[in-house]
């Protein structure tokens, strides 16, 4: 098992992308880009380029090999998240219906997503379009920023003005 990491700066803060044996296994927000070692890897270079293009508004679908580690239910929820198109959202209940689970369990799977942004857990909202939680970056502020970037969230979200 070979793990490599690459740091990159994004509008939502510095990220560390982790590759393991030719697949992306993790994306995490870190304190600074320098806290993520940059190890040579064509896959990490491609991931960084695609993430940069996403934040520039030039990429709507990632084309990277992903291998999230989790339970069978979590992987089913993450697979449903990958079906949510750029600029659209689904509710926790929608994903629960699609996976045979319950909304609270879907929320837990969203929070456990090891590859946020690439597996778009930010596109999952409460039934009333409330943001719900987000485990990455600055929490729901970051979720709102990602949805706003995609045109899927109204700008009047109060957290954006704090």
N, C-alpha and C. Protein backbone atom coordinates (compact mmCIF):
# COMPACT_ATOMS: atom_id res chain seq x y z
N UNK A 1 0.84 -1.17 0.00
CA UNK A 1 0.00 0.00 0.00
C UNK A 1 0.89 1.24 0.00
N UNK A 2 0.76 2.06 -1.02
CA UNK A 2 1.52 3.29 -1.13
C UNK A 2 0.57 4.48 -1.03
N UNK A 3 0.80 5.34 -0.05
CA UNK A 3 0.00 6.57 0.12
C UNK A 3 0.84 7.77 -0.24
N UNK A 4 0.23 8.67 -1.00
CA UNK A 4 0.88 9.93 -1.35
C UNK A 4 -0.12 11.05 -1.07
N UNK A 5 0.41 12.23 -0.78
CA UNK A 5 -0.43 13.38 -0.46
C UNK A 5 -0.02 14.58 -1.30
N UNK A 6 -0.98 15.43 -1.54
CA UNK A 6 -0.69 16.69 -2.24
C UNK A 6 -1.55 17.77 -1.61
N UNK A 7 -0.93 18.89 -1.33
CA UNK A 7 -1.66 20.03 -0.80
C UNK A 7 -2.00 21.00 -1.92
N UNK A 8 -3.12 21.70 -1.78
CA UNK A 8 -3.47 22.75 -2.73
C UNK A 8 -4.33 23.78 -2.04
N UNK A 9 -4.22 25.00 -2.50
CA UNK A 9 -5.04 26.09 -1.97
C UNK A 9 -6.33 26.18 -2.77
N UNK A 10 -7.43 26.42 -2.06
CA UNK A 10 -8.73 26.60 -2.71
C UNK A 10 -9.43 27.79 -2.05
N UNK A 11 -10.47 28.29 -2.67
CA UNK A 11 -11.23 29.39 -2.06
C UNK A 11 -11.86 29.00 -0.71
N UNK A 12 -12.01 27.71 -0.46
CA UNK A 12 -12.60 27.27 0.82
C UNK A 12 -11.53 26.89 1.84
N UNK A 13 -10.28 27.12 1.51
CA UNK A 13 -9.18 26.80 2.40
C UNK A 13 -8.27 25.74 1.81
N UNK A 14 -7.12 25.52 2.44
CA UNK A 14 -6.17 24.54 1.93
C UNK A 14 -6.70 23.11 2.07
N UNK A 15 -6.44 22.31 1.04
CA UNK A 15 -6.86 20.91 1.02
C UNK A 15 -5.64 20.01 0.94
N UNK A 16 -5.83 18.79 1.45
CA UNK A 16 -4.85 17.72 1.23
C UNK A 16 -5.60 16.60 0.53
N UNK A 17 -5.10 16.19 -0.63
CA UNK A 17 -5.67 15.08 -1.39
C UNK A 17 -4.75 13.89 -1.19
N UNK A 18 -5.35 12.74 -0.88
CA UNK A 18 -4.56 11.54 -0.61
C UNK A 18 -4.88 10.47 -1.64
N UNK A 19 -3.81 9.91 -2.19
CA UNK A 19 -3.89 8.80 -3.15
C UNK A 19 -3.36 7.55 -2.47
N UNK A 20 -4.01 6.44 -2.75
CA UNK A 20 -3.52 5.15 -2.27
C UNK A 20 -3.64 4.15 -3.41
N UNK A 21 -2.52 3.62 -3.84
CA UNK A 21 -2.49 2.60 -4.87
C UNK A 21 -3.32 2.96 -6.11
N UNK A 22 -3.16 4.19 -6.58
CA UNK A 22 -3.79 4.60 -7.83
C UNK A 22 -5.22 5.07 -7.73
N UNK A 23 -5.74 5.31 -6.53
CA UNK A 23 -7.09 5.86 -6.37
C UNK A 23 -7.06 6.97 -5.33
N UNK A 24 -7.98 7.90 -5.45
CA UNK A 24 -8.14 8.95 -4.45
C UNK A 24 -8.95 8.36 -3.29
N UNK A 25 -8.39 8.45 -2.09
CA UNK A 25 -9.07 7.87 -0.92
C UNK A 25 -9.49 8.92 0.10
N UNK A 26 -8.97 10.16 -0.04
CA UNK A 26 -9.31 11.15 0.98
C UNK A 26 -9.05 12.57 0.47
N UNK A 27 -9.93 13.47 0.84
CA UNK A 27 -9.74 14.91 0.67
C UNK A 27 -10.08 15.53 2.01
N UNK A 28 -9.14 16.28 2.57
CA UNK A 28 -9.38 16.91 3.87
C UNK A 28 -8.91 18.36 3.85
N UNK A 29 -9.61 19.20 4.60
CA UNK A 29 -9.16 20.56 4.80
C UNK A 29 -8.06 20.51 5.87
N UNK A 30 -7.02 21.29 5.66
CA UNK A 30 -5.88 21.31 6.57
C UNK A 30 -5.60 22.76 6.98
N UNK A 31 -4.77 22.92 8.01
CA UNK A 31 -4.45 24.25 8.52
C UNK A 31 -3.73 25.11 7.48
N UNK A 32 -2.83 24.49 6.74
CA UNK A 32 -2.11 25.23 5.70
C UNK A 32 -1.67 24.24 4.62
N UNK A 33 -1.48 24.77 3.43
CA UNK A 33 -1.06 23.92 2.32
C UNK A 33 0.27 23.23 2.65
N UNK A 34 1.13 23.93 3.37
CA UNK A 34 2.43 23.35 3.69
C UNK A 34 2.32 22.18 4.66
N UNK A 35 1.16 22.03 5.33
CA UNK A 35 1.01 20.89 6.23
C UNK A 35 0.68 19.60 5.47
N UNK A 36 0.50 19.70 4.17
CA UNK A 36 0.25 18.53 3.32
C UNK A 36 1.46 18.33 2.42
N UNK A 37 2.21 17.29 2.68
CA UNK A 37 3.41 17.02 1.88
C UNK A 37 3.02 16.86 0.41
N UNK A 38 3.83 17.41 -0.47
CA UNK A 38 3.60 17.24 -1.90
C UNK A 38 4.51 16.14 -2.41
N UNK A 39 3.91 14.98 -2.67
CA UNK A 39 4.66 13.84 -3.15
C UNK A 39 4.32 13.64 -4.62
N UNK A 40 5.30 13.40 -5.45
CA UNK A 40 5.06 13.29 -6.89
C UNK A 40 4.08 12.17 -7.24
N UNK A 41 3.11 12.52 -8.08
CA UNK A 41 2.13 11.54 -8.53
C UNK A 41 1.32 12.14 -9.66
N UNK A 42 1.27 11.48 -10.82
CA UNK A 42 0.43 11.96 -11.91
C UNK A 42 -1.05 12.05 -11.50
N UNK A 43 -1.52 11.10 -10.69
CA UNK A 43 -2.92 11.14 -10.26
C UNK A 43 -3.18 12.36 -9.38
N UNK A 44 -2.30 12.65 -8.45
CA UNK A 44 -2.49 13.81 -7.59
C UNK A 44 -2.38 15.11 -8.39
N UNK A 45 -1.50 15.13 -9.38
CA UNK A 45 -1.42 16.31 -10.26
C UNK A 45 -2.74 16.50 -11.00
N UNK A 46 -3.31 15.40 -11.51
CA UNK A 46 -4.59 15.46 -12.21
C UNK A 46 -5.70 15.90 -11.26
N UNK A 47 -5.73 15.34 -10.05
CA UNK A 47 -6.74 15.73 -9.06
C UNK A 47 -6.65 17.21 -8.75
N UNK A 48 -5.43 17.72 -8.54
CA UNK A 48 -5.25 19.14 -8.24
C UNK A 48 -5.74 20.00 -9.40
N UNK A 49 -5.42 19.60 -10.62
CA UNK A 49 -5.86 20.36 -11.79
C UNK A 49 -7.38 20.36 -11.90
N UNK A 50 -8.02 19.22 -11.66
CA UNK A 50 -9.47 19.15 -11.73
C UNK A 50 -10.13 19.96 -10.62
N UNK A 51 -9.58 19.91 -9.42
CA UNK A 51 -10.15 20.70 -8.31
C UNK A 51 -9.99 22.18 -8.61
N UNK A 52 -8.83 22.60 -9.12
CA UNK A 52 -8.65 24.00 -9.50
C UNK A 52 -9.67 24.41 -10.57
N UNK A 53 -9.89 23.56 -11.56
CA UNK A 53 -10.85 23.85 -12.63
C UNK A 53 -12.27 23.94 -12.07
N UNK A 54 -12.60 23.08 -11.10
CA UNK A 54 -13.92 23.12 -10.45
C UNK A 54 -14.12 24.49 -9.79
N UNK A 55 -13.15 24.93 -9.01
CA UNK A 55 -13.28 26.20 -8.31
C UNK A 55 -13.26 27.38 -9.27
N UNK A 56 -12.64 27.24 -10.43
CA UNK A 56 -12.65 28.29 -11.44
C UNK A 56 -13.97 28.32 -12.22
N UNK A 57 -14.84 27.33 -11.99
CA UNK A 57 -16.11 27.26 -12.70
C UNK A 57 -16.00 26.59 -14.05
N UNK A 58 -14.87 25.94 -14.31
CA UNK A 58 -14.64 25.32 -15.62
C UNK A 58 -14.87 23.81 -15.65
N UNK A 59 -15.18 23.20 -14.51
CA UNK A 59 -15.36 21.75 -14.45
C UNK A 59 -16.61 21.45 -13.64
N UNK A 60 -17.46 20.61 -14.19
CA UNK A 60 -18.71 20.25 -13.51
C UNK A 60 -18.74 18.81 -13.05
N UNK A 61 -17.89 17.97 -13.59
CA UNK A 61 -17.86 16.55 -13.20
C UNK A 61 -16.40 16.10 -13.12
N UNK A 62 -16.06 15.53 -12.00
CA UNK A 62 -14.70 15.01 -11.82
C UNK A 62 -14.57 13.66 -12.49
N UNK A 63 -13.39 13.42 -13.05
CA UNK A 63 -13.09 12.14 -13.66
C UNK A 63 -11.82 11.62 -13.02
N UNK A 64 -11.99 11.05 -11.85
CA UNK A 64 -10.88 10.54 -11.06
C UNK A 64 -11.27 9.19 -10.47
N UNK A 65 -10.34 8.28 -10.33
CA UNK A 65 -10.66 7.01 -9.67
C UNK A 65 -10.76 7.24 -8.15
N UNK A 66 -11.93 6.91 -7.60
CA UNK A 66 -12.19 7.12 -6.18
C UNK A 66 -12.36 5.78 -5.48
N UNK A 67 -11.86 5.70 -4.26
CA UNK A 67 -12.05 4.49 -3.47
C UNK A 67 -12.27 4.89 -2.01
N UNK A 68 -13.51 5.31 -1.70
CA UNK A 68 -13.79 5.69 -0.32
C UNK A 68 -13.95 4.45 0.56
N UNK A 69 -13.34 4.49 1.72
CA UNK A 69 -13.45 3.38 2.66
C UNK A 69 -14.61 3.66 3.62
N UNK A 70 -15.52 2.69 3.76
CA UNK A 70 -16.67 2.83 4.64
C UNK A 70 -17.51 1.58 4.59
N UNK A 71 -18.61 1.61 5.33
CA UNK A 71 -19.52 0.47 5.37
C UNK A 71 -20.26 0.35 4.04
N UNK A 72 -20.93 -0.76 3.85
CA UNK A 72 -21.70 -0.97 2.62
C UNK A 72 -22.78 0.12 2.48
N UNK A 73 -23.43 0.47 3.58
CA UNK A 73 -24.46 1.50 3.53
C UNK A 73 -23.83 2.85 3.17
N UNK A 74 -22.72 3.20 3.80
CA UNK A 74 -22.06 4.47 3.48
C UNK A 74 -21.68 4.53 2.00
N UNK A 75 -21.12 3.44 1.49
CA UNK A 75 -20.72 3.43 0.09
C UNK A 75 -21.95 3.57 -0.83
N UNK A 76 -23.09 3.00 -0.43
CA UNK A 76 -24.31 3.15 -1.22
C UNK A 76 -24.77 4.61 -1.23
N UNK A 77 -24.70 5.27 -0.09
CA UNK A 77 -25.07 6.69 -0.01
C UNK A 77 -24.11 7.53 -0.86
N UNK A 78 -22.81 7.25 -0.76
CA UNK A 78 -21.83 8.01 -1.54
C UNK A 78 -22.04 7.80 -3.03
N UNK A 79 -22.43 6.59 -3.42
CA UNK A 79 -22.72 6.33 -4.83
C UNK A 79 -23.92 7.16 -5.30
N UNK A 80 -24.93 7.30 -4.44
CA UNK A 80 -26.09 8.15 -4.78
C UNK A 80 -25.67 9.61 -4.89
N UNK A 81 -24.77 10.05 -4.01
CA UNK A 81 -24.30 11.44 -4.08
C UNK A 81 -23.61 11.70 -5.42
N UNK A 82 -22.88 10.73 -5.90
CA UNK A 82 -22.20 10.90 -7.19
C UNK A 82 -23.18 11.07 -8.34
N UNK A 83 -24.42 10.67 -8.14
CA UNK A 83 -25.45 10.82 -9.18
C UNK A 83 -26.11 12.19 -9.16
N UNK A 84 -25.84 13.01 -8.15
CA UNK A 84 -26.44 14.34 -8.07
C UNK A 84 -25.67 15.27 -9.00
N UNK A 85 -26.33 15.79 -10.02
CA UNK A 85 -25.61 16.64 -10.98
C UNK A 85 -25.13 17.95 -10.36
N UNK A 86 -24.09 18.49 -10.93
CA UNK A 86 -23.57 19.81 -10.58
C UNK A 86 -24.72 20.82 -10.59
N UNK A 87 -24.78 21.66 -9.59
CA UNK A 87 -25.80 22.70 -9.55
C UNK A 87 -27.16 22.24 -9.06
N UNK A 88 -27.28 20.97 -8.67
CA UNK A 88 -28.54 20.45 -8.15
C UNK A 88 -28.33 19.92 -6.74
N UNK A 89 -29.43 19.77 -6.03
CA UNK A 89 -29.36 19.23 -4.68
C UNK A 89 -30.40 18.12 -4.52
N UNK A 90 -30.20 17.33 -3.50
CA UNK A 90 -31.18 16.32 -3.09
C UNK A 90 -31.30 16.43 -1.57
N UNK A 91 -32.38 15.89 -1.05
CA UNK A 91 -32.56 15.90 0.40
C UNK A 91 -32.01 14.62 1.00
N UNK A 92 -31.76 14.69 2.30
CA UNK A 92 -31.36 13.49 3.02
C UNK A 92 -32.41 12.40 2.83
N UNK A 93 -33.69 12.80 2.82
CA UNK A 93 -34.78 11.85 2.60
C UNK A 93 -34.74 11.21 1.22
N UNK A 94 -34.40 12.01 0.21
CA UNK A 94 -34.27 11.46 -1.15
C UNK A 94 -33.23 10.34 -1.18
N UNK A 95 -32.09 10.59 -0.56
CA UNK A 95 -31.03 9.59 -0.54
C UNK A 95 -31.41 8.39 0.31
N UNK A 96 -32.17 8.64 1.37
CA UNK A 96 -32.64 7.54 2.20
C UNK A 96 -33.56 6.63 1.39
N UNK A 97 -34.46 7.22 0.64
CA UNK A 97 -35.38 6.42 -0.18
C UNK A 97 -34.60 5.62 -1.23
N UNK A 98 -33.58 6.22 -1.80
CA UNK A 98 -32.80 5.56 -2.85
C UNK A 98 -31.92 4.43 -2.31
N UNK A 99 -31.56 4.50 -1.03
CA UNK A 99 -30.64 3.50 -0.47
C UNK A 99 -31.31 2.55 0.52
N UNK A 100 -32.59 2.76 0.79
CA UNK A 100 -33.27 1.90 1.75
C UNK A 100 -32.92 2.22 3.19
N UNK A 101 -32.41 3.40 3.43
CA UNK A 101 -32.05 3.81 4.78
C UNK A 101 -33.02 4.84 5.33
N UNK A 102 -32.58 5.54 6.34
CA UNK A 102 -33.37 6.63 6.92
C UNK A 102 -32.53 7.90 6.84
N UNK A 103 -33.21 9.05 6.87
CA UNK A 103 -32.53 10.32 6.67
C UNK A 103 -31.39 10.54 7.67
N UNK A 104 -31.59 10.18 8.91
CA UNK A 104 -30.54 10.39 9.93
C UNK A 104 -29.29 9.57 9.59
N UNK A 105 -29.49 8.34 9.12
CA UNK A 105 -28.34 7.50 8.73
C UNK A 105 -27.64 8.07 7.51
N UNK A 106 -28.41 8.65 6.58
CA UNK A 106 -27.81 9.31 5.42
C UNK A 106 -26.96 10.49 5.88
N UNK A 107 -27.47 11.24 6.85
CA UNK A 107 -26.70 12.35 7.41
C UNK A 107 -25.38 11.87 8.00
N UNK A 108 -25.42 10.73 8.68
CA UNK A 108 -24.19 10.16 9.22
C UNK A 108 -23.22 9.76 8.13
N UNK A 109 -23.75 9.20 7.05
CA UNK A 109 -22.88 8.83 5.92
C UNK A 109 -22.29 10.06 5.25
N UNK A 110 -23.09 11.13 5.16
CA UNK A 110 -22.57 12.38 4.60
C UNK A 110 -21.41 12.88 5.45
N UNK A 111 -21.59 12.87 6.76
CA UNK A 111 -20.54 13.34 7.66
C UNK A 111 -19.30 12.48 7.64
N UNK A 112 -19.44 11.22 7.26
CA UNK A 112 -18.30 10.30 7.22
C UNK A 112 -17.64 10.24 5.84
N UNK A 113 -18.14 11.00 4.88
CA UNK A 113 -17.60 10.99 3.52
C UNK A 113 -16.12 11.38 3.56
N UNK A 114 -15.22 10.48 3.17
CA UNK A 114 -13.80 10.79 3.22
C UNK A 114 -13.29 11.60 2.01
N UNK A 115 -14.16 11.80 1.01
CA UNK A 115 -13.71 12.47 -0.21
C UNK A 115 -14.70 13.60 -0.57
N UNK A 116 -14.88 14.58 0.35
CA UNK A 116 -15.81 15.67 0.02
C UNK A 116 -15.35 16.43 -1.22
N UNK A 117 -16.25 17.15 -1.78
CA UNK A 117 -16.13 17.88 -3.05
C UNK A 117 -16.19 16.88 -4.20
N UNK A 118 -15.27 15.91 -4.25
CA UNK A 118 -15.29 14.92 -5.33
C UNK A 118 -16.51 14.01 -5.22
N UNK A 119 -16.84 13.60 -4.01
CA UNK A 119 -18.12 12.95 -3.72
C UNK A 119 -18.95 14.05 -3.07
N UNK A 120 -19.91 14.62 -3.80
CA UNK A 120 -20.50 15.90 -3.43
C UNK A 120 -21.55 15.85 -2.30
N UNK A 121 -21.09 15.58 -1.10
CA UNK A 121 -22.00 15.57 0.05
C UNK A 121 -22.57 16.96 0.31
N UNK A 122 -21.91 18.00 -0.21
CA UNK A 122 -22.43 19.37 -0.04
C UNK A 122 -23.75 19.57 -0.78
N UNK A 123 -24.07 18.68 -1.71
CA UNK A 123 -25.32 18.81 -2.47
C UNK A 123 -26.51 18.18 -1.77
N UNK A 124 -26.33 17.71 -0.55
CA UNK A 124 -27.42 17.07 0.20
C UNK A 124 -27.90 18.04 1.27
N UNK A 125 -29.20 18.35 1.21
CA UNK A 125 -29.82 19.33 2.11
C UNK A 125 -30.97 18.69 2.87
N UNK A 126 -31.44 19.40 3.88
CA UNK A 126 -32.66 18.99 4.58
C UNK A 126 -33.85 19.16 3.64
N UNK A 127 -34.96 18.53 3.97
CA UNK A 127 -36.14 18.58 3.11
C UNK A 127 -36.63 20.02 2.90
N UNK A 128 -36.43 20.89 3.89
CA UNK A 128 -36.86 22.29 3.77
C UNK A 128 -35.79 23.18 3.14
N UNK A 129 -34.75 22.58 2.55
CA UNK A 129 -33.61 23.23 1.92
C UNK A 129 -32.67 23.88 2.91
N UNK A 130 -32.85 23.60 4.19
CA UNK A 130 -31.86 24.05 5.17
C UNK A 130 -30.56 23.30 4.88
N UNK A 131 -29.44 23.93 5.19
CA UNK A 131 -28.16 23.34 4.86
C UNK A 131 -27.90 22.01 5.54
N UNK A 132 -28.28 21.86 6.78
CA UNK A 132 -27.85 20.69 7.52
C UNK A 132 -26.37 20.86 7.86
N UNK A 133 -25.73 19.80 8.25
CA UNK A 133 -24.33 19.89 8.66
C UNK A 133 -23.38 19.71 7.50
N UNK A 134 -22.11 19.96 7.80
CA UNK A 134 -21.02 19.71 6.86
C UNK A 134 -19.77 19.54 7.68
N UNK A 135 -19.06 18.46 7.46
CA UNK A 135 -17.92 18.12 8.31
C UNK A 135 -16.60 18.72 7.84
N UNK A 136 -16.58 19.36 6.69
CA UNK A 136 -15.32 19.87 6.16
C UNK A 136 -15.17 21.36 6.27
N UNK A 137 -13.96 21.81 6.15
CA UNK A 137 -13.68 23.25 6.11
C UNK A 137 -14.22 23.97 7.33
N UNK A 138 -15.02 24.98 7.06
CA UNK A 138 -15.65 25.76 8.13
C UNK A 138 -17.11 25.36 8.30
N UNK A 139 -17.40 24.08 8.14
CA UNK A 139 -18.75 23.58 8.35
C UNK A 139 -19.73 24.09 7.33
N UNK A 140 -20.89 24.55 7.81
CA UNK A 140 -21.95 24.96 6.89
C UNK A 140 -21.57 26.18 6.06
N UNK A 141 -20.63 27.01 6.52
CA UNK A 141 -20.14 28.11 5.67
C UNK A 141 -19.53 27.55 4.39
N UNK A 142 -18.70 26.52 4.54
CA UNK A 142 -18.05 25.91 3.38
C UNK A 142 -19.08 25.25 2.48
N UNK A 143 -20.06 24.57 3.07
CA UNK A 143 -21.12 23.94 2.28
C UNK A 143 -21.85 25.00 1.45
N UNK A 144 -22.20 26.12 2.08
CA UNK A 144 -22.88 27.19 1.37
C UNK A 144 -22.01 27.76 0.25
N UNK A 145 -20.71 27.89 0.48
CA UNK A 145 -19.81 28.40 -0.55
C UNK A 145 -19.78 27.46 -1.76
N UNK A 146 -19.71 26.16 -1.51
CA UNK A 146 -19.68 25.19 -2.61
C UNK A 146 -20.99 25.22 -3.39
N UNK A 147 -22.11 25.28 -2.69
CA UNK A 147 -23.41 25.33 -3.37
C UNK A 147 -23.58 26.64 -4.14
N UNK A 148 -23.10 27.74 -3.58
CA UNK A 148 -23.17 29.02 -4.27
C UNK A 148 -22.33 29.00 -5.53
N UNK A 149 -21.13 28.43 -5.44
CA UNK A 149 -20.26 28.28 -6.62
C UNK A 149 -21.01 27.56 -7.74
N UNK A 150 -21.78 26.53 -7.37
CA UNK A 150 -22.51 25.74 -8.36
C UNK A 150 -23.85 26.35 -8.76
N UNK A 151 -24.22 27.46 -8.13
CA UNK A 151 -25.50 28.10 -8.44
C UNK A 151 -26.69 27.37 -7.84
N UNK A 152 -26.46 26.60 -6.79
CA UNK A 152 -27.53 25.78 -6.21
C UNK A 152 -28.01 26.29 -4.86
N UNK A 153 -27.53 27.44 -4.44
CA UNK A 153 -27.90 27.93 -3.11
C UNK A 153 -28.11 29.43 -3.17
N UNK A 154 -29.18 29.91 -2.57
CA UNK A 154 -29.41 31.36 -2.57
C UNK A 154 -28.36 32.10 -1.75
N UNK A 155 -27.95 33.24 -2.24
CA UNK A 155 -26.91 34.05 -1.60
C UNK A 155 -27.35 34.56 -0.23
N UNK A 156 -28.63 34.63 0.07
CA UNK A 156 -29.06 35.23 1.32
C UNK A 156 -28.76 34.38 2.55
N UNK A 157 -28.08 33.29 2.40
CA UNK A 157 -27.72 32.47 3.57
C UNK A 157 -26.99 33.34 4.59
N UNK A 158 -27.50 33.42 5.80
CA UNK A 158 -26.99 34.36 6.80
C UNK A 158 -25.52 34.13 7.14
N UNK A 159 -25.04 32.92 7.06
CA UNK A 159 -23.65 32.66 7.42
C UNK A 159 -22.67 33.33 6.45
N UNK A 160 -23.13 33.63 5.23
CA UNK A 160 -22.23 34.25 4.26
C UNK A 160 -21.94 35.70 4.60
N UNK A 161 -22.75 36.30 5.48
CA UNK A 161 -22.57 37.71 5.80
C UNK A 161 -21.93 37.94 7.15
N UNK A 162 -21.49 36.91 7.83
CA UNK A 162 -20.88 37.09 9.14
C UNK A 162 -19.46 37.53 9.03
